[in-house]
Amino acid sequence: MGISDIEFKQAWESRNVATLEGVKANIIGLKQLLRAKQGTRRKVDTLDKENLKKLRRHKKR
């Protein structure tokens, strides 16, 4: 089972690596996460997508 519209290789290559409470975690990149959210029709994903777009605009400043 995968994320719609996202290829594993793309997600893996653009991942972010973070250390959370001493444990390394691979986190999907913002661009791929937005694509995944666009691939669904759930209301929560629509809201997430709008908030992620705001975050992306804020990061570019």
Protein backbone atom coordinates (compact mmCIF):
# COMPACT_ATOMS: atom_id res chain seq x y z
CA MET A 1 0.00 0.00 0.00
CA GLY A 2 1.43 3.36 -0.97
CA ILE A 3 0.50 6.98 -1.10
CA SER A 4 -1.54 7.91 -4.16
CA ASP A 5 0.34 9.80 -6.87
CA ILE A 6 3.69 9.31 -5.08
CA GLU A 7 6.44 6.91 -6.13
CA PHE A 8 8.52 5.48 -3.29
CA LYS A 9 11.79 6.41 -4.99
CA GLN A 10 10.73 10.07 -5.29
CA ALA A 11 9.57 10.21 -1.69
CA TRP A 12 12.75 8.52 -0.42
CA GLU A 13 15.08 10.79 -2.38
CA SER A 14 13.36 13.96 -1.16
CA ARG A 15 12.84 12.86 2.44
CA ASN A 16 13.97 14.81 5.46
CA VAL A 17 15.84 13.05 8.24
CA ALA A 18 15.20 14.23 11.78
CA THR A 19 16.16 12.98 15.21
CA LEU A 20 13.18 12.78 17.52
CA GLU A 21 13.95 11.93 21.14
CA GLY A 22 17.19 10.29 20.06
CA VAL A 23 15.65 8.24 17.23
CA LYS A 24 16.35 8.99 13.55
CA ALA A 25 13.16 9.34 11.52
CA ASN A 26 12.63 9.65 7.78
CA ILE A 27 9.95 12.23 7.01
CA ILE A 28 8.32 12.73 3.63
CA GLY A 29 9.33 15.97 1.91
CA LEU A 30 6.89 18.85 1.71
CA LYS A 31 6.49 18.66 -2.08
CA GLN A 32 5.65 14.95 -1.99
CA LEU A 33 3.33 15.40 0.99
CA LEU A 34 1.41 18.08 -0.89
CA ARG A 35 1.09 15.75 -3.90
CA ALA A 36 -0.19 12.98 -1.65
CA LYS A 37 -2.76 15.29 -0.09
CA GLN A 38 -3.94 16.37 -3.55
CA GLY A 39 -4.54 12.74 -4.45
CA THR A 40 -7.34 12.37 -1.91
CA ARG A 41 -10.76 13.92 -1.52
CA ARG A 42 -10.96 13.88 2.25
CA LYS A 43 -11.87 17.16 3.93
CA VAL A 44 -9.00 16.87 6.41
CA ASP A 45 -6.51 16.48 3.53
CA THR A 46 -7.91 19.59 1.83
CA LEU A 47 -7.38 21.56 5.05
CA ASP A 48 -3.91 20.06 5.51
CA LYS A 49 -3.03 20.98 1.93
CA GLU A 50 -3.98 24.62 2.46
CA ASN A 51 -1.96 24.80 5.69
CA LEU A 52 1.04 23.13 4.06
CA LYS A 53 0.91 25.62 1.18
CA LYS A 54 0.95 28.47 3.73
CA LEU A 55 3.95 26.86 5.41
CA ARG A 56 5.76 26.54 2.08
CA ARG A 57 5.13 30.22 1.26
CA HIS A 58 6.38 31.21 4.71
CA LYS A 59 9.53 29.06 4.32
CA LYS A 60 10.43 30.79 1.04
CA ARG A 61 10.71 34.18 2.74
